[in-house]
PDB file of N, CA and C in Angstrom:
ATOM      1  N   MET A   1      96.928  60.105  99.412  1.00  0.00           N
ATOM      2  CA  MET A   1      97.007  59.881 100.959  1.00  0.00           C
ATOM      3  C   MET A   1      98.271  59.749 101.186  1.00  0.00           C
ATOM      4  N   LEU A   2      98.707  60.561 102.147  1.00  0.00           N
ATOM      5  CA  LEU A   2     100.086  60.369 102.625  1.00  0.00           C
ATOM      6  C   LEU A   2     100.358  59.273 103.419  1.00  0.00           C
ATOM      7  N   PRO A   3     101.518  58.626 103.514  1.00  0.00           N
ATOM      8  CA  PRO A   3     101.875  57.591 104.413  1.00  0.00           C
ATOM      9  C   PRO A   3     101.600  57.864 106.085  1.00  0.00           C
ATOM     10  N   PRO A   4     101.403  56.836 106.756  1.00  0.00           N
ATOM     11  CA  PRO A   4     101.097  57.176 108.061  1.00  0.00           C
ATOM     12  C   PRO A   4     102.621  57.711 108.622  1.00  0.00           C
ATOM     13  N   SER A   5     102.318  58.706 109.647  1.00  0.00           N
ATOM     14  CA  SER A   5     103.685  59.420 110.094  1.00  0.00           C
ATOM     15  C   SER A   5     104.019  58.961 111.270  1.00  0.00           C
ATOM     16  N   ALA A   6     103.961  57.924 111.737  1.00  0.00           N
ATOM     17  CA  ALA A   6     104.200  57.505 113.149  1.00  0.00           C
ATOM     18  C   ALA A   6     105.890  57.452 113.213  1.00  0.00           C
ATOM     19  N   GLU A   7     106.474  57.273 112.218  1.00  0.00           N
ATOM     20  CA  GLU A   7     108.054  57.258 112.330  1.00  0.00           C
ATOM     21  C   GLU A   7     108.438  58.735 112.301  1.00  0.00           C
ATOM     22  N   VAL A   8     107.522  59.768 111.498  1.00  0.00           N
ATOM     23  CA  VAL A   8     107.985  61.125 111.589  1.00  0.00           C
ATOM     24  C   VAL A   8     107.684  61.855 112.981  1.00  0.00           C
ATOM     25  N   GLU A   9     106.339  61.266 113.766  1.00  0.00           N
ATOM     26  CA  GLU A   9     106.104  61.786 114.927  1.00  0.00           C
ATOM     27  C   GLU A   9     107.000  61.454 115.991  1.00  0.00           C
ATOM     28  N   GLU A  10     107.490  60.096 115.983  1.00  0.00           N
ATOM     29  CA  GLU A  10     108.539  59.408 116.878  1.00  0.00           C
ATOM     30  C   GLU A  10     109.727  60.328 116.942  1.00  0.00           C
ATOM     31  N   SER A  11     110.341  60.755 115.665  1.00  0.00           N
ATOM     32  CA  SER A  11     111.637  61.438 115.818  1.00  0.00           C
ATOM     33  C   SER A  11     111.536  62.773 116.172  1.00  0.00           C
ATOM     34  N   PHE A  12     110.125  63.302 116.394  1.00  0.00           N
ATOM     35  CA  PHE A  12     110.234  64.669 117.242  1.00  0.00           C
ATOM     36  C   PHE A  12     110.118  64.455 118.842  1.00  0.00           C
ATOM     37  N   SER A  13     111.182  65.172 119.237  1.00  0.00           N
ATOM     38  CA  SER A  13     110.969  65.069 120.923  1.00  0.00           C
ATOM     39  C   SER A  13     110.150  66.269 121.293  1.00  0.00           C
ATOM     40  N   PRO A  14     109.407  66.175 122.301  1.00  0.00           N
ATOM     41  CA  PRO A  14     108.423  67.380 122.728  1.00  0.00           C
ATOM     42  C   PRO A  14     108.950  68.430 122.556  1.00  0.00           C
ATOM     43  N   SER A  15     108.212  69.402 121.970  1.00  0.00           N
ATOM     44  CA  SER A  15     108.794  70.685 121.537  1.00  0.00           C
ATOM     45  C   SER A  15     107.875  71.807 122.025  1.00  0.00           C
ATOM     46  N   VAL A  16     108.373  72.999 121.940  1.00  0.00           N
ATOM     47  CA  VAL A  16     107.532  74.019 122.376  1.00  0.00           C
ATOM     48  C   VAL A  16     106.441  74.443 121.222  1.00  0.00           C
ATOM     49  N   ALA A  17     106.931  74.010 119.740  1.00  0.00           N
ATOM     50  CA  ALA A  17     106.139  74.251 118.770  1.00  0.00           C
ATOM     51  C   ALA A  17     104.916  73.208 118.509  1.00  0.00           C
ATOM     52  N   ARG A  18     105.315  71.977 119.054  1.00  0.00           N
ATOM     53  CA  ARG A  18     103.973  70.923 118.794  1.00  0.00           C
ATOM     54  C   ARG A  18     103.274  71.135 119.970  1.00  0.00           C
ATOM     55  N   ARG A  19     103.647  71.477 121.070  1.00  0.00           N
ATOM     56  CA  ARG A  19     102.858  71.810 122.457  1.00  0.00           C
ATOM     57  C   ARG A  19     101.673  73.170 121.735  1.00  0.00           C
ATOM     58  N   CYS A  20     102.230  73.953 121.376  1.00  0.00           N
ATOM     59  CA  CYS A  20     101.595  75.274 120.822  1.00  0.00           C
ATOM     60  C   CYS A  20     100.659  74.989 119.952  1.00  0.00           C
ATOM     61  N   VAL A  21     100.865  74.030 118.887  1.00  0.00           N
ATOM     62  CA  VAL A  21      99.960  73.759 117.799  1.00  0.00           C
ATOM     63  C   VAL A  21      98.820  72.916 118.562  1.00  0.00           C
ATOM     64  N   GLU A  22      99.223  71.967 119.387  1.00  0.00           N
ATOM     65  CA  GLU A  22      98.014  70.966 120.056  1.00  0.00           C
ATOM     66  C   GLU A  22      97.182  71.915 120.747  1.00  0.00           C
ATOM     67  N   LYS A  23      97.478  73.168 121.317  1.00  0.00           N
ATOM     68  CA  LYS A  23      96.782  73.761 121.971  1.00  0.00           C
ATOM     69  C   LYS A  23      96.032  75.108 121.241  1.00  0.00           C
ATOM     70  N   SER A  24      96.289  75.025 119.839  1.00  0.00           N
ATOM     71  CA  SER A  24      95.902  76.274 118.915  1.00  0.00           C
ATOM     72  C   SER A  24      94.635  75.936 118.383  1.00  0.00           C
ATOM     73  N   GLU A  25      94.024  76.820 117.598  1.00  0.00           N
ATOM     74  CA  GLU A  25      92.781  76.739 116.954  1.00  0.00           C
ATOM     75  C   GLU A  25      92.778  75.657 115.778  1.00  0.00           C
ATOM     76  N   LEU A  26      94.108  75.225 115.655  1.00  0.00           N
ATOM     77  CA  LEU A  26      94.365  74.159 114.412  1.00  0.00           C
ATOM     78  C   LEU A  26      94.857  73.106 114.947  1.00  0.00           C
ATOM     79  N   ALA A  27      94.489  72.707 116.283  1.00  0.00           N
ATOM     80  CA  ALA A  27      94.933  71.387 116.896  1.00  0.00           C
ATOM     81  C   ALA A  27      94.038  70.120 115.943  1.00  0.00           C
ATOM     82  N   ASP A  28      92.813  70.261 115.384  1.00  0.00           N
ATOM     83  CA  ASP A  28      92.512  69.484 114.853  1.00  0.00           C
ATOM     84  C   ASP A  28      93.014  69.118 113.084  1.00  0.00           C
ATOM     85  N   ILE A  29      93.652  70.028 112.542  1.00  0.00           N
ATOM     86  CA  ILE A  29      94.319  69.997 111.521  1.00  0.00           C
ATOM     87  C   ILE A  29      95.594  69.428 111.910  1.00  0.00           C
ATOM     88  N   TYR A  30      96.292  69.786 112.836  1.00  0.00           N
ATOM     89  CA  TYR A  30      97.470  68.840 113.264  1.00  0.00           C
ATOM     90  C   TYR A  30      97.404  67.285 113.450  1.00  0.00           C
ATOM     91  N   GLU A  31      95.832  66.803 114.087  1.00  0.00           N
ATOM     92  CA  GLU A  31      95.534  65.462 114.292  1.00  0.00           C
ATOM     93  C   GLU A  31      95.676  64.954 112.673  1.00  0.00           C
ATOM     94  N   LYS A  32      95.152  65.483 111.797  1.00  0.00           N
ATOM     95  CA  LYS A  32      95.002  64.933 110.618  1.00  0.00           C
ATOM     96  C   LYS A  32      96.236  64.873 109.893  1.00  0.00           C
ATOM     97  N   VAL A  33      97.016  65.901 110.118  1.00  0.00           N
ATOM     98  CA  VAL A  33      98.593  66.094 109.200  1.00  0.00           C
ATOM     99  C   VAL A  33      99.313  64.755 109.935  1.00  0.00           C
ATOM    100  N   VAL A  34      99.289  64.597 111.482  1.00  0.00           N
ATOM    101  CA  VAL A  34     100.071  63.421 111.857  1.00  0.00           C
ATOM    102  C   VAL A  34      99.308  61.980 111.608  1.00  0.00           C
ATOM    103  N   ALA A  35      98.090  62.013 111.284  1.00  0.00           N
ATOM    104  CA  ALA A  35      97.611  60.860 110.876  1.00  0.00           C
ATOM    105  C   ALA A  35      97.739  60.505 109.215  1.00  0.00           C
ATOM    106  N   GLY A  36      98.277  61.546 108.593  1.00  0.00           N
ATOM    107  CA  GLY A  36      98.319  61.484 107.269  1.00  0.00           C
ATOM    108  C   GLY A  36      97.083  61.514 106.277  1.00  0.00           C
ATOM    109  N   ASP A  37      96.084  61.976 107.074  1.00  0.00           N
ATOM    110  CA  ASP A  37      94.715  62.115 106.395  1.00  0.00           C
ATOM    111  C   ASP A  37      94.872  63.368 105.389  1.00  0.00           C
ATOM    112  N   ARG A  38      94.218  63.339 104.375  1.00  0.00           N
ATOM    113  CA  ARG A  38      94.034  64.486 103.280  1.00  0.00           C
ATOM    114  C   ARG A  38      93.095  65.481 104.047  1.00  0.00           C
ATOM    115  N   LEU A  39      93.877  66.739 103.795  1.00  0.00           N
ATOM    116  CA  LEU A  39      93.149  67.976 104.368  1.00  0.00           C
ATOM    117  C   LEU A  39      91.820  68.560 103.423  1.00  0.00           C
ATOM    118  N   SER A  40      90.774  68.912 104.356  1.00  0.00           N
ATOM    119  CA  SER A  40      89.681  69.221 103.302  1.00  0.00           C
ATOM    120  C   SER A  40      89.823  71.032 102.861  1.00  0.00           C
ATOM    121  N   ARG A  41      88.851  71.376 101.968  1.00  0.00           N
ATOM    122  CA  ARG A  41      88.969  72.551 101.461  1.00  0.00           C
ATOM    123  C   ARG A  41      88.809  73.667 102.674  1.00  0.00           C
ATOM    124  N   GLU A  42      87.677  73.325 103.625  1.00  0.00           N
ATOM    125  CA  GLU A  42      87.558  73.883 104.649  1.00  0.00           C
ATOM    126  C   GLU A  42      89.036  74.202 105.533  1.00  0.00           C
ATOM    127  N   ASP A  43      89.751  73.132 105.842  1.00  0.00           N
ATOM    128  CA  ASP A  43      90.845  73.254 106.272  1.00  0.00           C
ATOM    129  C   ASP A  43      91.990  73.944 105.655  1.00  0.00           C
ATOM    130  N   GLY A  44      92.209  73.899 104.534  1.00  0.00           N
ATOM    131  CA  GLY A  44      92.998  74.791 103.619  1.00  0.00           C
ATOM    132  C   GLY A  44      92.631  76.288 103.879  1.00  0.00           C
ATOM    133  N   LEU A  45      91.266  76.533 103.891  1.00  0.00           N
ATOM    134  CA  LEU A  45      90.889  78.113 104.067  1.00  0.00           C
ATOM    135  C   LEU A  45      91.232  78.313 105.543  1.00  0.00           C
ATOM    136  N   ARG A  46      91.092  77.684 106.474  1.00  0.00           N
ATOM    137  CA  ARG A  46      91.528  77.996 107.763  1.00  0.00           C
ATOM    138  C   ARG A  46      92.954  78.234 108.039  1.00  0.00           C
ATOM    139  N   LEU A  47      93.657  77.320 107.183  1.00  0.00           N
ATOM    140  CA  LEU A  47      95.229  77.662 107.335  1.00  0.00           C
ATOM    141  C   LEU A  47      95.487  79.126 106.639  1.00  0.00           C
ATOM    142  N   PHE A  48      94.913  79.262 105.488  1.00  0.00           N
ATOM    143  CA  PHE A  48      95.130  80.553 104.810  1.00  0.00           C
ATOM    144  C   PHE A  48      94.831  81.664 105.594  1.00  0.00           C
ATOM    145  N   GLN A  49      93.468  81.498 106.433  1.00  0.00           N
ATOM    146  CA  GLN A  49      93.171  82.766 107.271  1.00  0.00           C
ATOM    147  C   GLN A  49      93.866  82.889 108.690  1.00  0.00           C
ATOM    148  N   SER A  50      94.513  81.987 109.037  1.00  0.00           N
ATOM    149  CA  SER A  50      95.180  81.780 110.312  1.00  0.00           C
ATOM    150  C   SER A  50      96.375  82.780 110.551  1.00  0.00           C
ATOM    151  N   ASN A  51      96.321  83.512 111.437  1.00  0.00           N
ATOM    152  CA  ASN A  51      97.459  84.321 111.934  1.00  0.00           C
ATOM    153  C   ASN A  51      98.614  83.547 112.640  1.00  0.00           C
ATOM    154  N   ASP A  52      98.408  82.225 112.983  1.00  0.00           N
ATOM    155  CA  ASP A  52      99.353  81.658 113.599  1.00  0.00           C
ATOM    156  C   ASP A  52     100.509  80.916 112.695  1.00  0.00           C
ATOM    157  N   LEU A  53     101.578  81.724 112.532  1.00  0.00           N
ATOM    158  CA  LEU A  53     102.564  81.298 111.632  1.00  0.00           C
ATOM    159  C   LEU A  53     103.322  80.196 112.131  1.00  0.00           C
ATOM    160  N   LEU A  54     103.633  80.375 113.387  1.00  0.00           N
ATOM    161  CA  LEU A  54     104.318  79.184 113.896  1.00  0.00           C
ATOM    162  C   LEU A  54     103.720  77.770 113.914  1.00  0.00           C
ATOM    163  N   ALA A  55     102.454  77.791 114.054  1.00  0.00           N
ATOM    164  CA  ALA A  55     101.694  76.317 113.754  1.00  0.00           C
ATOM    165  C   ALA A  55     101.683  75.956 112.565  1.00  0.00           C
ATOM    166  N   ILE A  56     101.576  77.086 111.724  1.00  0.00           N
ATOM    167  CA  ILE A  56     101.501  76.694 110.105  1.00  0.00           C
ATOM    168  C   ILE A  56     102.901  76.094 109.733  1.00  0.00           C
ATOM    169  N   GLY A  57     103.773  76.959 109.923  1.00  0.00           N
ATOM    170  CA  GLY A  57     105.163  76.391 109.539  1.00  0.00           C
ATOM    171  C   GLY A  57     105.610  75.080 110.163  1.00  0.00           C
ATOM    172  N   PHE A  58     105.150  74.598 111.548  1.00  0.00           N
ATOM    173  CA  PHE A  58     105.362  73.448 112.034  1.00  0.00           C
ATOM    174  C   PHE A  58     104.637  72.467 111.406  1.00  0.00           C
ATOM    175  N   LEU A  59     103.418  72.532 111.015  1.00  0.00           N
ATOM    176  CA  LEU A  59     102.683  71.588 110.175  1.00  0.00           C
ATOM    177  C   LEU A  59     103.083  71.485 108.929  1.00  0.00           C
ATOM    178  N   ALA A  60     103.576  72.503 108.016  1.00  0.00           N
ATOM    179  CA  ALA A  60     104.273  72.217 106.899  1.00  0.00           C
ATOM    180  C   ALA A  60     105.605  71.353 106.990  1.00  0.00           C
ATOM    181  N   ASN A  61     106.359  71.781 108.106  1.00  0.00           N
ATOM    182  CA  ASN A  61     107.680  70.879 108.156  1.00  0.00           C
ATOM    183  C   ASN A  61     107.292  69.667 108.439  1.00  0.00           C
ATOM    184  N   LEU A  62     106.233  68.927 109.120  1.00  0.00           N
ATOM    185  CA  LEU A  62     105.924  67.784 109.458  1.00  0.00           C
ATOM    186  C   LEU A  62     105.716  66.958 108.056  1.00  0.00           C
ATOM    187  N   VAL A  63     104.911  67.776 107.181  1.00  0.00           N
ATOM    188  CA  VAL A  63     104.639  67.080 106.139  1.00  0.00           C
ATOM    189  C   VAL A  63     105.966  67.046 105.066  1.00  0.00           C
ATOM    190  N   ARG A  64     106.694  68.189 105.143  1.00  0.00           N
ATOM    191  CA  ARG A  64     108.169  68.101 104.320  1.00  0.00           C
ATOM    192  C   ARG A  64     109.027  66.926 104.609  1.00  0.00           C
ATOM    193  N   GLU A  65     108.976  66.661 106.043  1.00  0.00           N
ATOM    194  CA  GLU A  65     110.008  65.702 106.418  1.00  0.00           C
ATOM    195  C   GLU A  65     109.459  64.296 106.371  1.00  0.00           C
ATOM    196  N   ARG A  66     108.090  64.206 106.203  1.00  0.00           N
ATOM    197  CA  ARG A  66     107.652  62.991 105.804  1.00  0.00           C
ATOM    198  C   ARG A  66     107.878  62.606 104.293  1.00  0.00           C
ATOM    199  N   PHE A  67     107.889  63.329 103.585  1.00  0.00           N
ATOM    200  CA  PHE A  67     108.137  63.137 101.978  1.00  0.00           C
ATOM    201  C   PHE A  67     109.644  63.173 101.651  1.00  0.00           C
ATOM    202  N   HIS A  68     110.510  64.008 102.432  1.00  0.00           N
ATOM    203  CA  HIS A  68     111.954  64.109 101.970  1.00  0.00           C
ATOM    204  C   HIS A  68     112.832  63.998 103.121  1.00  0.00           C
ATOM    205  N   GLY A  69     112.436  63.808 104.149  1.00  0.00           N
ATOM    206  CA  GLY A  69     113.491  63.443 105.380  1.00  0.00           C
ATOM    207  C   GLY A  69     113.805  64.551 105.952  1.00  0.00           C
ATOM    208  N   GLU A  70     114.928  64.462 106.892  1.00  0.00           N
ATOM    209  CA  GLU A  70     115.403  65.740 107.366  1.00  0.00           C
ATOM    210  C   GLU A  70     116.399  66.445 106.771  1.00  0.00           C
ATOM    211  N   LYS A  71     116.730  66.011 105.553  1.00  0.00           N
ATOM    212  CA  LYS A  71     117.641  67.176 104.571  1.00  0.00           C
ATOM    213  C   LYS A  71     117.103  68.051 103.976  1.00  0.00           C
ATOM    214  N   THR A  72     117.476  69.154 103.954  1.00  0.00           N
ATOM    215  CA  THR A  72     116.968  70.411 103.205  1.00  0.00           C
ATOM    216  C   THR A  72     118.123  70.844 102.150  1.00  0.00           C
ATOM    217  N   TYR A  73     117.676  71.160 100.931  1.00  0.00           N
ATOM    218  CA  TYR A  73     118.585  71.605 100.165  1.00  0.00           C
ATOM    219  C   TYR A  73     118.028  73.014  99.576  1.00  0.00           C
ATOM    220  N   TRP A  74     118.893  73.834  99.356  1.00  0.00           N
ATOM    221  CA  TRP A  74     118.614  75.251  98.872  1.00  0.00           C
ATOM    222  C   TRP A  74     119.512  75.380  97.409  1.00  0.00           C
ATOM    223  N   VAL A  75     118.788  76.127  96.586  1.00  0.00           N
ATOM    224  CA  VAL A  75     119.453  76.377  95.294  1.00  0.00           C
ATOM    225  C   VAL A  75     119.470  77.861  95.369  1.00  0.00           C
ATOM    226  N   TYR A  76     120.683  78.518  95.257  1.00  0.00           N
ATOM    227  CA  TYR A  76     121.058  79.888  94.978  1.00  0.00           C
ATOM    228  C   TYR A  76     121.474  80.194  93.739  1.00  0.00           C
ATOM    229  N   ASN A  77     120.289  80.699  93.112  1.00  0.00           N
ATOM    230  CA  ASN A  77     120.676  81.152  91.692  1.00  0.00           C
ATOM    231  C   ASN A  77     121.147  82.568  91.347  1.00  0.00           C
ATOM    232  N   GLN A  78     121.955  82.858  90.669  1.00  0.00           N
ATOM    233  CA  GLN A  78     122.128  84.249  90.151  1.00  0.00           C
ATOM    234  C   GLN A  78     121.934  84.565  88.875  1.00  0.00           C
ATOM    235  N   HIS A  79     121.259  85.458  88.580  1.00  0.00           N
ATOM    236  CA  HIS A  79     120.721  85.996  87.258  1.00  0.00           C
ATOM    237  C   HIS A  79     121.250  87.390  87.129  1.00  0.00           C
ATOM    238  N   ILE A  80     122.346  87.296  86.279  1.00  0.00           N
ATOM    239  CA  ILE A  80     123.169  88.604  86.182  1.00  0.00           C
ATOM    240  C   ILE A  80     122.584  89.247  84.875  1.00  0.00           C
ATOM    241  N   ASN A  81     122.316  90.457  85.210  1.00  0.00           N
ATOM    242  CA  ASN A  81     121.854  91.374  83.943  1.00  0.00           C
ATOM    243  C   ASN A  81     122.996  92.087  83.499  1.00  0.00           C
ATOM    244  N   TYR A  82     123.251  91.762  82.190  1.00  0.00           N
ATOM    245  CA  TYR A  82     124.392  92.356  81.567  1.00  0.00           C
ATOM    246  C   TYR A  82     124.142  93.928  80.951  1.00  0.00           C
ATOM    247  N   SER A  83     122.830  94.385  81.023  1.00  0.00           N
ATOM    248  CA  SER A  83     122.746  95.673  80.545  1.00  0.00           C
ATOM    249  C   SER A  83     123.070  96.794  81.287  1.00  0.00           C
TER     250      SER A  83
END
């Protein structure tokens, strides 16, 4: 189970993305993510079948920030083929 997200939710100012998610077909999943509840298999299928990329990305970012904070790191690997 994820830790409560009160501090994550408070760090967000009201945004267009959040309002869109609250009014979308994924609003109940948003409530589960904010509460830190585990998503069901049916929730996962709905996310997979949804075309609302903005809402899915916003939900994923909420979870990412809960686990790792606001910092994001990128690893840029170069695989040089000598042949």
